[in-house]
Amino acid sequence: MTASQTITPPAPRRGTTALATGAFLAILRRDLLVTGREFVAFILQAFMQPLFYLFIFGVVLPKVGIASAGYGAVLLPGVVTLTVFLAAVQGVMLPLSLDLGFTREIDDRLLSPAPVWAIVVEKILFATLRGLISAVIIFPLAYLILGDEYQVRTDAIPLLIGLVVLTAIVGASLGLVMGTVVPAEQIALAFAVLFTPMLFTGCLQYAWHDLHVLRGFQVVTLFNPLTYSAEGLRYAMIPHLSDGQAVQTLPIGWALAGLVGFCALFFTLGIRSFRNRAIR
């Protein structure tokens, strides 16, 4: 080798963090691409039930005199909760249950450079994004359906966004738990058994304070994460009167604490059950 020759050093290997980040983003991009291709199915799945809730309870019942005028304002936060929560749950539960099933498609993700916890976080993030997309769509649809009954205050937008994000994370985390615990062939049964009671004990159709005449049932609703979302959104959405709240709700501090607590509970259970199912 002559003195004039130069030695080219070998290219440095990409760090572990960079590889994991690249794998994480690739998996997330793949899930978003699949959702984009199935956007019509996503719309039908996420909005069919909430839209009928808005039309029947927010328009038909007040028009025929069964529900009082202004009920649409009380109902709308519950419908937003329902829409965001279901979109997030469905974004994780069935796909993950299928991935962990007989075909073991989850192994493709586990063989990527990303750690196990990053695979779980990607699932949560993807489902949360689905929930947020559904929230962006439900508000203009609610305005078109409710008309004059549509009332949303504009002085608490950051709080409203924070509550929607927490609701989506709660739904995604619960979907993670269900997707790792329930076999794919029993998802429909589990959905009916678990979520039907949740929908009717989560203060979606009524305000929590109005249940003071049914004290036992009022206490039961506090074990439902939807209660904290619906009540928090009522606080953040319904315009306040000059002398106080138009509708009495749970204190906003309790609503936020409840959502954060359920996020932590479901995520802890979900990542534990995911490790037990995915790693053998």
C-alpha atoms as a PDB file:
ATOM      1  CA  MET A   1       0.000   0.000   0.000  1.00  0.00           C
ATOM      2  CA  THR A   2       1.478   3.361  -1.018  1.00  0.00           C
ATOM      3  CA  ALA A   3       1.510   6.436   1.128  1.00  0.00           C
ATOM      4  CA  SER A   4      -0.795   8.227  -1.270  1.00  0.00           C
ATOM      5  CA  GLN A   5      -3.537   5.645  -0.832  1.00  0.00           C
ATOM      6  CA  THR A   6      -6.292   6.399   1.646  1.00  0.00           C
ATOM      7  CA  ILE A   7      -8.092   3.915   3.779  1.00  0.00           C
ATOM      8  CA  THR A   8     -11.883   4.248   3.821  1.00  0.00           C
ATOM      9  CA  PRO A   9     -13.207   3.368   7.262  1.00  0.00           C
ATOM     10  CA  PRO A  10     -16.180   1.014   7.406  1.00  0.00           C
ATOM     11  CA  ALA A  11     -19.583   2.682   7.570  1.00  0.00           C
ATOM     12  CA  PRO A  12     -20.814   2.914  11.129  1.00  0.00           C
ATOM     13  CA  ARG A  13     -23.660   0.615  12.077  1.00  0.00           C
ATOM     14  CA  ARG A  14     -26.960   2.235  12.799  1.00  0.00           C
ATOM     15  CA  GLY A  15     -27.669   2.484  16.464  1.00  0.00           C
ATOM     16  CA  THR A  16     -30.238   0.302  18.153  1.00  0.00           C
ATOM     17  CA  THR A  17     -32.455   3.285  18.882  1.00  0.00           C
ATOM     18  CA  ALA A  18     -32.488   4.341  15.235  1.00  0.00           C
ATOM     19  CA  LEU A  19     -33.376   0.816  14.096  1.00  0.00           C
ATOM     20  CA  ALA A  20     -36.167   0.533  16.651  1.00  0.00           C
ATOM     21  CA  THR A  21     -37.522   3.960  15.704  1.00  0.00           C
ATOM     22  CA  GLY A  22     -37.480   3.082  12.017  1.00  0.00           C
ATOM     23  CA  ALA A  23     -39.281  -0.185  12.656  1.00  0.00           C
ATOM     24  CA  PHE A  24     -41.848   1.560  14.890  1.00  0.00           C
ATOM     25  CA  LEU A  25     -42.629   4.171  12.220  1.00  0.00           C
ATOM     26  CA  ALA A  26     -42.800   1.542   9.472  1.00  0.00           C
ATOM     27  CA  ILE A  27     -45.334  -0.519  11.423  1.00  0.00           C
ATOM     28  CA  LEU A  28     -47.403   2.580  12.203  1.00  0.00           C
ATOM     29  CA  ARG A  29     -47.274   3.680   8.558  1.00  0.00           C
ATOM     30  CA  ARG A  30     -48.439   0.245   7.467  1.00  0.00           C
ATOM     31  CA  ASP A  31     -51.440   0.317   9.847  1.00  0.00           C
ATOM     32  CA  LEU A  32     -52.421   3.816   8.711  1.00  0.00           C
ATOM     33  CA  LEU A  33     -52.160   2.747   5.074  1.00  0.00           C
ATOM     34  CA  VAL A  34     -54.459  -0.213   5.675  1.00  0.00           C
ATOM     35  CA  THR A  35     -56.987   2.041   7.420  1.00  0.00           C
ATOM     36  CA  GLY A  36     -56.839   4.483   4.503  1.00  0.00           C
ATOM     37  CA  ARG A  37     -57.651   1.689   2.075  1.00  0.00           C
ATOM     38  CA  GLU A  38     -60.596   0.627   4.256  1.00  0.00           C
ATOM     39  CA  PHE A  39     -61.792   4.137   5.085  1.00  0.00           C
ATOM     40  CA  VAL A  40     -65.406   3.490   4.083  1.00  0.00           C
ATOM     41  CA  ALA A  41     -65.554   0.460   6.353  1.00  0.00           C
ATOM     42  CA  PHE A  42     -63.982   2.520   9.143  1.00  0.00           C
ATOM     43  CA  ILE A  43     -66.631   5.235   8.729  1.00  0.00           C
ATOM     44  CA  LEU A  44     -69.494   2.745   8.818  1.00  0.00           C
ATOM     45  CA  GLN A  45     -68.037   0.927  11.802  1.00  0.00           C
ATOM     46  CA  ALA A  46     -67.300   4.058  13.815  1.00  0.00           C
ATOM     47  CA  PHE A  47     -70.310   6.258  13.080  1.00  0.00           C
ATOM     48  CA  MET A  48     -73.384   4.116  12.457  1.00  0.00           C
ATOM     49  CA  GLN A  49     -74.382   3.772  16.117  1.00  0.00           C
ATOM     50  CA  PRO A  50     -73.462   7.343  17.225  1.00  0.00           C
ATOM     51  CA  LEU A  51     -75.349   8.931  14.337  1.00  0.00           C
ATOM     52  CA  PHE A  52     -78.517   7.019  15.181  1.00  0.00           C
ATOM     53  CA  TYR A  53     -78.059   8.035  18.824  1.00  0.00           C
ATOM     54  CA  LEU A  54     -77.924  11.688  17.757  1.00  0.00           C
ATOM     55  CA  PHE A  55     -80.895  11.464  15.432  1.00  0.00           C
ATOM     56  CA  ILE A  56     -83.242   9.437  17.645  1.00  0.00           C
ATOM     57  CA  PHE A  57     -82.374  10.887  21.062  1.00  0.00           C
ATOM     58  CA  GLY A  58     -81.356  14.373  19.959  1.00  0.00           C
ATOM     59  CA  VAL A  59     -83.936  15.062  17.252  1.00  0.00           C
ATOM     60  CA  VAL A  60     -86.829  12.599  17.215  1.00  0.00           C
ATOM     61  CA  LEU A  61     -87.541  12.362  20.962  1.00  0.00           C
ATOM     62  CA  PRO A  62     -87.471  16.150  21.577  1.00  0.00           C
ATOM     63  CA  LYS A  63     -89.658  16.726  18.496  1.00  0.00           C
ATOM     64  CA  VAL A  64     -92.358  14.319  19.715  1.00  0.00           C
ATOM     65  CA  GLY A  65     -92.169  15.700  23.244  1.00  0.00           C
ATOM     66  CA  ILE A  66     -90.677  12.670  24.999  1.00  0.00           C
ATOM     67  CA  ALA A  67     -87.370  14.426  25.699  1.00  0.00           C
ATOM     68  CA  SER A  68     -87.127  18.042  26.808  1.00  0.00           C
ATOM     69  CA  ALA A  69     -85.771  20.831  24.661  1.00  0.00           C
ATOM     70  CA  GLY A  70     -82.030  21.178  25.092  1.00  0.00           C
ATOM     71  CA  TYR A  71     -81.520  17.458  25.625  1.00  0.00           C
ATOM     72  CA  GLY A  72     -79.302  17.353  22.551  1.00  0.00           C
ATOM     73  CA  ALA A  73     -76.715  19.465  24.368  1.00  0.00           C
ATOM     74  CA  VAL A  74     -76.625  16.932  27.221  1.00  0.00           C
ATOM     75  CA  LEU A  75     -76.497  14.004  24.799  1.00  0.00           C
ATOM     76  CA  LEU A  76     -73.746  15.268  22.485  1.00  0.00           C
ATOM     77  CA  PRO A  77     -70.814  14.817  24.934  1.00  0.00           C
ATOM     78  CA  GLY A  78     -71.956  11.241  25.487  1.00  0.00           C
ATOM     79  CA  VAL A  79     -72.084  10.621  21.738  1.00  0.00           C
ATOM     80  CA  VAL A  80     -68.584  12.060  21.320  1.00  0.00           C
ATOM     81  CA  THR A  81     -67.401   9.735  24.093  1.00  0.00           C
ATOM     82  CA  LEU A  82     -69.085   6.754  22.434  1.00  0.00           C
ATOM     83  CA  THR A  83     -67.635   7.564  19.008  1.00  0.00           C
ATOM     84  CA  VAL A  84     -64.057   8.087  20.161  1.00  0.00           C
ATOM     85  CA  PHE A  85     -64.080   5.141  22.558  1.00  0.00           C
ATOM     86  CA  LEU A  86     -65.504   2.614  20.088  1.00  0.00           C
ATOM     87  CA  ALA A  87     -63.211   3.734  17.264  1.00  0.00           C
ATOM     88  CA  ALA A  88     -60.169   3.275  19.515  1.00  0.00           C
ATOM     89  CA  VAL A  89     -61.295  -0.074  20.929  1.00  0.00           C
ATOM     90  CA  GLN A  90     -62.055  -1.487  17.492  1.00  0.00           C
ATOM     91  CA  GLY A  91     -58.707  -0.298  16.195  1.00  0.00           C
ATOM     92  CA  VAL A  92     -56.901  -2.713  18.512  1.00  0.00           C
ATOM     93  CA  MET A  93     -59.174  -5.479  19.733  1.00  0.00           C
ATOM     94  CA  LEU A  94     -60.048  -7.572  16.668  1.00  0.00           C
ATOM     95  CA  PRO A  95     -56.808  -7.010  14.674  1.00  0.00           C
ATOM     96  CA  LEU A  96     -54.676  -7.942  17.677  1.00  0.00           C
ATOM     97  CA  SER A  97     -56.805 -10.976  18.480  1.00  0.00           C
ATOM     98  CA  LEU A  98     -56.343 -12.176  14.901  1.00  0.00           C
ATOM     99  CA  ASP A  99     -52.589 -11.477  14.986  1.00  0.00           C
ATOM    100  CA  LEU A 100     -52.261 -13.587  18.142  1.00  0.00           C
ATOM    101  CA  GLY A 101     -54.420 -16.371  16.716  1.00  0.00           C
ATOM    102  CA  PHE A 102     -53.529 -19.523  14.827  1.00  0.00           C
ATOM    103  CA  THR A 103     -51.594 -17.754  12.069  1.00  0.00           C
ATOM    104  CA  ARG A 104     -49.366 -15.928  14.602  1.00  0.00           C
ATOM    105  CA  GLU A 105     -48.963 -12.878  12.354  1.00  0.00           C
ATOM    106  CA  ILE A 106     -47.766 -10.984  15.412  1.00  0.00           C
ATOM    107  CA  ASP A 107     -44.428 -12.789  15.014  1.00  0.00           C
ATOM    108  CA  ASP A 108     -43.598 -10.598  12.012  1.00  0.00           C
ATOM    109  CA  ARG A 109     -43.712  -7.540  14.257  1.00  0.00           C
ATOM    110  CA  LEU A 110     -41.872  -9.233  17.095  1.00  0.00           C
ATOM    111  CA  LEU A 111     -39.008 -10.072  14.713  1.00  0.00           C
ATOM    112  CA  SER A 112     -38.537  -6.378  13.912  1.00  0.00           C
ATOM    113  CA  PRO A 113     -35.779  -4.405  15.707  1.00  0.00           C
ATOM    114  CA  ALA A 114     -38.394  -2.679  17.867  1.00  0.00           C
ATOM    115  CA  PRO A 115     -38.695  -3.906  21.493  1.00  0.00           C
ATOM    116  CA  VAL A 116     -41.888  -5.577  22.683  1.00  0.00           C
ATOM    117  CA  TRP A 117     -43.095  -2.518  24.559  1.00  0.00           C
ATOM    118  CA  ALA A 118     -42.741  -0.435  21.374  1.00  0.00           C
ATOM    119  CA  ILE A 119     -45.028  -2.873  19.520  1.00  0.00           C
ATOM    120  CA  VAL A 120     -47.630  -2.325  22.226  1.00  0.00           C
ATOM    121  CA  VAL A 121     -47.201   1.459  22.158  1.00  0.00           C
ATOM    122  CA  GLU A 122     -47.635   1.441  18.364  1.00  0.00           C
ATOM    123  CA  LYS A 123     -50.938  -0.392  18.767  1.00  0.00           C
ATOM    124  CA  ILE A 124     -52.090   2.156  21.334  1.00  0.00           C
ATOM    125  CA  LEU A 125     -50.932   5.114  19.231  1.00  0.00           C
ATOM    126  CA  PHE A 126     -52.601   3.816  16.081  1.00  0.00           C
ATOM    127  CA  ALA A 127     -55.915   3.203  17.851  1.00  0.00           C
ATOM    128  CA  THR A 128     -55.690   6.603  19.544  1.00  0.00           C
ATOM    129  CA  LEU A 129     -55.274   8.260  16.148  1.00  0.00           C
ATOM    130  CA  ARG A 130     -58.381   6.441  14.931  1.00  0.00           C
ATOM    131  CA  GLY A 131     -60.267   7.803  17.906  1.00  0.00           C
ATOM    132  CA  LEU A 132     -59.064  11.352  17.230  1.00  0.00           C
ATOM    133  CA  ILE A 133     -60.019  11.119  13.552  1.00  0.00           C
ATOM    134  CA  SER A 134     -63.504  10.009  14.567  1.00  0.00           C
ATOM    135  CA  ALA A 135     -63.758  12.991  16.944  1.00  0.00           C
ATOM    136  CA  VAL A 136     -62.853  15.423  14.158  1.00  0.00           C
ATOM    137  CA  ILE A 137     -65.619  13.955  11.981  1.00  0.00           C
ATOM    138  CA  ILE A 138     -68.381  13.603  14.589  1.00  0.00           C
ATOM    139  CA  PHE A 139     -68.571  17.310  15.480  1.00  0.00           C
ATOM    140  CA  PRO A 140     -69.621  18.614  12.028  1.00  0.00           C
ATOM    141  CA  LEU A 141     -71.985  15.655  11.623  1.00  0.00           C
ATOM    142  CA  ALA A 142     -73.554  16.473  14.993  1.00  0.00           C
ATOM    143  CA  TYR A 143     -73.982  20.095  13.924  1.00  0.00           C
ATOM    144  CA  LEU A 144     -75.822  19.004  10.788  1.00  0.00           C
ATOM    145  CA  ILE A 145     -78.102  16.623  12.704  1.00  0.00           C
ATOM    146  CA  LEU A 146     -78.844  18.628  15.848  1.00  0.00           C
ATOM    147  CA  GLY A 147     -79.172  22.080  14.322  1.00  0.00           C
ATOM    148  CA  ASP A 148     -80.177  24.556  17.048  1.00  0.00           C
ATOM    149  CA  GLU A 149     -79.649  21.863  19.700  1.00  0.00           C
ATOM    150  CA  TYR A 150     -75.918  21.861  18.924  1.00  0.00           C
ATOM    151  CA  GLN A 151     -74.130  23.757  21.698  1.00  0.00           C
ATOM    152  CA  VAL A 152     -70.373  23.625  22.221  1.00  0.00           C
ATOM    153  CA  ARG A 153     -68.497  26.294  24.170  1.00  0.00           C
ATOM    154  CA  THR A 154     -65.341  27.648  22.599  1.00  0.00           C
ATOM    155  CA  ASP A 155     -63.498  28.849  25.703  1.00  0.00           C
ATOM    156  CA  ALA A 156     -62.308  25.400  26.819  1.00  0.00           C
ATOM    157  CA  ILE A 157     -60.857  23.936  23.610  1.00  0.00           C
ATOM    158  CA  PRO A 158     -57.546  22.738  25.176  1.00  0.00           C
ATOM    159  CA  LEU A 159     -59.464  20.922  27.917  1.00  0.00           C
ATOM    160  CA  LEU A 160     -61.821  19.423  25.325  1.00  0.00           C
ATOM    161  CA  ILE A 161     -58.900  18.156  23.238  1.00  0.00           C
ATOM    162  CA  GLY A 162     -57.189  16.708  26.298  1.00  0.00           C
ATOM    163  CA  LEU A 163     -60.339  14.837  27.327  1.00  0.00           C
ATOM    164  CA  VAL A 164     -60.807  13.431  23.824  1.00  0.00           C
ATOM    165  CA  VAL A 165     -57.186  12.229  23.753  1.00  0.00           C
ATOM    166  CA  LEU A 166     -57.550  10.556  27.166  1.00  0.00           C
ATOM    167  CA  THR A 167     -60.794   8.905  26.045  1.00  0.00           C
ATOM    168  CA  ALA A 168     -59.084   7.522  22.953  1.00  0.00           C
ATOM    169  CA  ILE A 169     -56.171   6.182  25.015  1.00  0.00           C
ATOM    170  CA  VAL A 170     -58.556   4.520  27.469  1.00  0.00           C
ATOM    171  CA  GLY A 171     -60.401   2.861  24.581  1.00  0.00           C
ATOM    172  CA  ALA A 172     -57.166   1.759  22.914  1.00  0.00           C
ATOM    173  CA  SER A 173     -55.803   0.344  26.183  1.00  0.00           C
ATOM    174  CA  LEU A 174     -59.008  -1.582  26.873  1.00  0.00           C
ATOM    175  CA  GLY A 175     -58.904  -2.872  23.301  1.00  0.00           C
ATOM    176  CA  LEU A 176     -55.361  -4.072  23.999  1.00  0.00           C
ATOM    177  CA  VAL A 177     -56.569  -5.999  27.035  1.00  0.00           C
ATOM    178  CA  MET A 178     -59.512  -7.549  25.191  1.00  0.00           C
ATOM    179  CA  GLY A 179     -57.445  -8.374  22.107  1.00  0.00           C
ATOM    180  CA  THR A 180     -54.903 -10.312  24.144  1.00  0.00           C
ATOM    181  CA  VAL A 181     -57.388 -12.084  26.412  1.00  0.00           C
ATOM    182  CA  VAL A 182     -60.299 -12.977  24.135  1.00  0.00           C
ATOM    183  CA  PRO A 183     -59.855 -15.436  21.222  1.00  0.00           C
ATOM    184  CA  ALA A 184     -60.814 -14.080  17.806  1.00  0.00           C
ATOM    185  CA  GLU A 185     -63.797 -16.405  17.471  1.00  0.00           C
ATOM    186  CA  GLN A 186     -65.289 -15.052  20.715  1.00  0.00           C
ATOM    187  CA  ILE A 187     -64.776 -11.322  20.062  1.00  0.00           C
ATOM    188  CA  ALA A 188     -68.404 -10.732  19.065  1.00  0.00           C
ATOM    189  CA  LEU A 189     -69.659 -12.412  22.243  1.00  0.00           C
ATOM    190  CA  ALA A 190     -67.203 -10.533  24.454  1.00  0.00           C
ATOM    191  CA  PHE A 191     -68.116  -7.248  22.782  1.00  0.00           C
ATOM    192  CA  ALA A 192     -71.810  -7.810  23.488  1.00  0.00           C
ATOM    193  CA  VAL A 193     -71.300  -9.013  27.055  1.00  0.00           C
ATOM    194  CA  LEU A 194     -68.866  -6.272  28.080  1.00  0.00           C
ATOM    195  CA  PHE A 195     -69.706  -3.208  26.023  1.00  0.00           C
ATOM    196  CA  THR A 196     -73.496  -3.311  26.118  1.00  0.00           C
ATOM    197  CA  PRO A 197     -73.534  -2.755  29.914  1.00  0.00           C
ATOM    198  CA  MET A 198     -70.788  -0.138  29.534  1.00  0.00           C
ATOM    199  CA  LEU A 199     -72.855   1.859  27.042  1.00  0.00           C
ATOM    200  CA  PHE A 200     -75.825   2.070  29.400  1.00  0.00           C
ATOM    201  CA  THR A 201     -73.949   2.668  32.658  1.00  0.00           C
ATOM    202  CA  GLY A 202     -71.491   5.250  31.307  1.00  0.00           C
ATOM    203  CA  CYS A 203     -73.638   8.397  31.614  1.00  0.00           C
ATOM    204  CA  LEU A 204     -73.782   8.727  27.838  1.00  0.00           C
ATOM    205  CA  GLN A 205     -77.498   9.498  27.718  1.00  0.00           C
ATOM    206  CA  TYR A 206     -77.836  11.337  31.030  1.00  0.00           C
ATOM    207  CA  ALA A 207     -75.845  13.488  33.408  1.00  0.00           C
ATOM    208  CA  TRP A 208     -74.301  11.812  36.458  1.00  0.00           C
ATOM    209  CA  HIS A 209     -75.748  14.331  38.906  1.00  0.00           C
ATOM    210  CA  ASP A 210     -79.313  13.480  37.803  1.00  0.00           C
ATOM    211  CA  LEU A 211     -78.839   9.966  39.204  1.00  0.00           C
ATOM    212  CA  HIS A 212     -78.955  11.210  42.806  1.00  0.00           C
ATOM    213  CA  VAL A 213     -82.444   9.707  43.028  1.00  0.00           C
ATOM    214  CA  LEU A 214     -80.874   6.292  42.252  1.00  0.00           C
ATOM    215  CA  ARG A 215     -77.904   6.401  44.584  1.00  0.00           C
ATOM    216  CA  GLY A 216     -76.906   2.762  44.121  1.00  0.00           C
ATOM    217  CA  PHE A 217     -76.893   3.033  40.330  1.00  0.00           C
ATOM    218  CA  GLN A 218     -75.036   6.335  40.577  1.00  0.00           C
ATOM    219  CA  VAL A 219     -72.247   4.573  42.472  1.00  0.00           C
ATOM    220  CA  VAL A 220     -72.151   1.756  39.891  1.00  0.00           C
ATOM    221  CA  THR A 221     -71.530   4.235  37.080  1.00  0.00           C
ATOM    222  CA  LEU A 222     -68.321   5.369  38.778  1.00  0.00           C
ATOM    223  CA  PHE A 223     -66.735   2.007  37.896  1.00  0.00           C
ATOM    224  CA  ASN A 224     -67.227   2.742  34.196  1.00  0.00           C
ATOM    225  CA  PRO A 225     -64.499   4.766  32.427  1.00  0.00           C
ATOM    226  CA  LEU A 226     -67.080   6.187  30.018  1.00  0.00           C
ATOM    227  CA  THR A 227     -68.673   8.059  32.924  1.00  0.00           C
ATOM    228  CA  TYR A 228     -65.544  10.147  33.477  1.00  0.00           C
ATOM    229  CA  SER A 229     -65.204  10.916  29.776  1.00  0.00           C
ATOM    230  CA  ALA A 230     -68.861  11.856  29.242  1.00  0.00           C
ATOM    231  CA  GLU A 231     -68.981  14.016  32.364  1.00  0.00           C
ATOM    232  CA  GLY A 232     -65.677  15.701  31.584  1.00  0.00           C
ATOM    233  CA  LEU A 233     -66.827  16.478  28.065  1.00  0.00           C
ATOM    234  CA  ARG A 234     -70.125  17.879  29.380  1.00  0.00           C
ATOM    235  CA  TYR A 235     -68.120  20.223  31.557  1.00  0.00           C
ATOM    236  CA  ALA A 236     -65.940  21.257  28.611  1.00  0.00           C
ATOM    237  CA  MET A 237     -68.679  21.466  25.955  1.00  0.00           C
ATOM    238  CA  ILE A 238     -71.954  22.735  27.441  1.00  0.00           C
ATOM    239  CA  PRO A 239     -71.951  26.548  27.678  1.00  0.00           C
ATOM    240  CA  HIS A 240     -72.066  27.838  31.242  1.00  0.00           C
ATOM    241  CA  LEU A 241     -74.701  30.240  32.471  1.00  0.00           C
ATOM    242  CA  SER A 242     -73.728  33.591  33.943  1.00  0.00           C
ATOM    243  CA  ASP A 243     -74.351  32.272  37.456  1.00  0.00           C
ATOM    244  CA  GLY A 244     -72.645  28.874  37.065  1.00  0.00           C
ATOM    245  CA  GLN A 245     -72.875  25.575  35.161  1.00  0.00           C
ATOM    246  CA  ALA A 246     -75.925  24.961  32.967  1.00  0.00           C
ATOM    247  CA  VAL A 247     -75.661  21.233  33.765  1.00  0.00           C
ATOM    248  CA  GLN A 248     -74.152  19.881  36.962  1.00  0.00           C
ATOM    249  CA  THR A 249     -71.380  17.398  36.276  1.00  0.00           C
ATOM    250  CA  LEU A 250     -68.716  15.497  38.110  1.00  0.00           C
ATOM    251  CA  PRO A 251     -65.951  17.882  39.196  1.00  0.00           C
ATOM    252  CA  ILE A 252     -63.523  18.155  36.296  1.00  0.00           C
ATOM    253  CA  GLY A 253     -60.654  17.091  38.564  1.00  0.00           C
ATOM    254  CA  TRP A 254     -62.403  13.796  39.295  1.00  0.00           C
ATOM    255  CA  ALA A 255     -63.136  13.282  35.591  1.00  0.00           C
ATOM    256  CA  LEU A 256     -59.488  13.765  34.645  1.00  0.00           C
ATOM    257  CA  ALA A 257     -58.263  11.586  37.525  1.00  0.00           C
ATOM    258  CA  GLY A 258     -60.672   8.812  36.538  1.00  0.00           C
ATOM    259  CA  LEU A 259     -59.533   8.801  32.915  1.00  0.00           C
ATOM    260  CA  VAL A 260     -55.838   8.842  33.844  1.00  0.00           C
ATOM    261  CA  GLY A 261     -56.397   6.043  36.348  1.00  0.00           C
ATOM    262  CA  PHE A 262     -58.182   3.824  33.825  1.00  0.00           C
ATOM    263  CA  CYS A 263     -55.472   4.556  31.239  1.00  0.00           C
ATOM    264  CA  ALA A 264     -52.804   3.323  33.656  1.00  0.00           C
ATOM    265  CA  LEU A 265     -54.846   0.289  34.717  1.00  0.00           C
ATOM    266  CA  PHE A 266     -55.738  -0.924  31.226  1.00  0.00           C
ATOM    267  CA  PHE A 267     -52.273  -0.252  29.803  1.00  0.00           C
ATOM    268  CA  THR A 268     -50.578  -2.179  32.620  1.00  0.00           C
ATOM    269  CA  LEU A 269     -52.941  -5.127  32.223  1.00  0.00           C
ATOM    270  CA  GLY A 270     -52.675  -4.985  28.452  1.00  0.00           C
ATOM    271  CA  ILE A 271     -48.895  -4.999  28.172  1.00  0.00           C
ATOM    272  CA  ARG A 272     -48.689  -7.822  30.713  1.00  0.00           C
ATOM    273  CA  SER A 273     -51.220  -9.999  28.885  1.00  0.00           C
ATOM    274  CA  PHE A 274     -49.574  -9.143  25.547  1.00  0.00           C
ATOM    275  CA  ARG A 275     -46.236 -10.422  26.786  1.00  0.00           C
ATOM    276  CA  ASN A 276     -47.857 -13.616  28.060  1.00  0.00           C
ATOM    277  CA  ARG A 277     -49.592 -14.282  24.736  1.00  0.00           C
ATOM    278  CA  ALA A 278     -47.003 -13.067  22.260  1.00  0.00           C
ATOM    279  CA  ILE A 279     -43.779 -14.367  23.777  1.00  0.00           C
ATOM    280  CA  ARG A 280     -43.674 -18.128  24.136  1.00  0.00           C
END
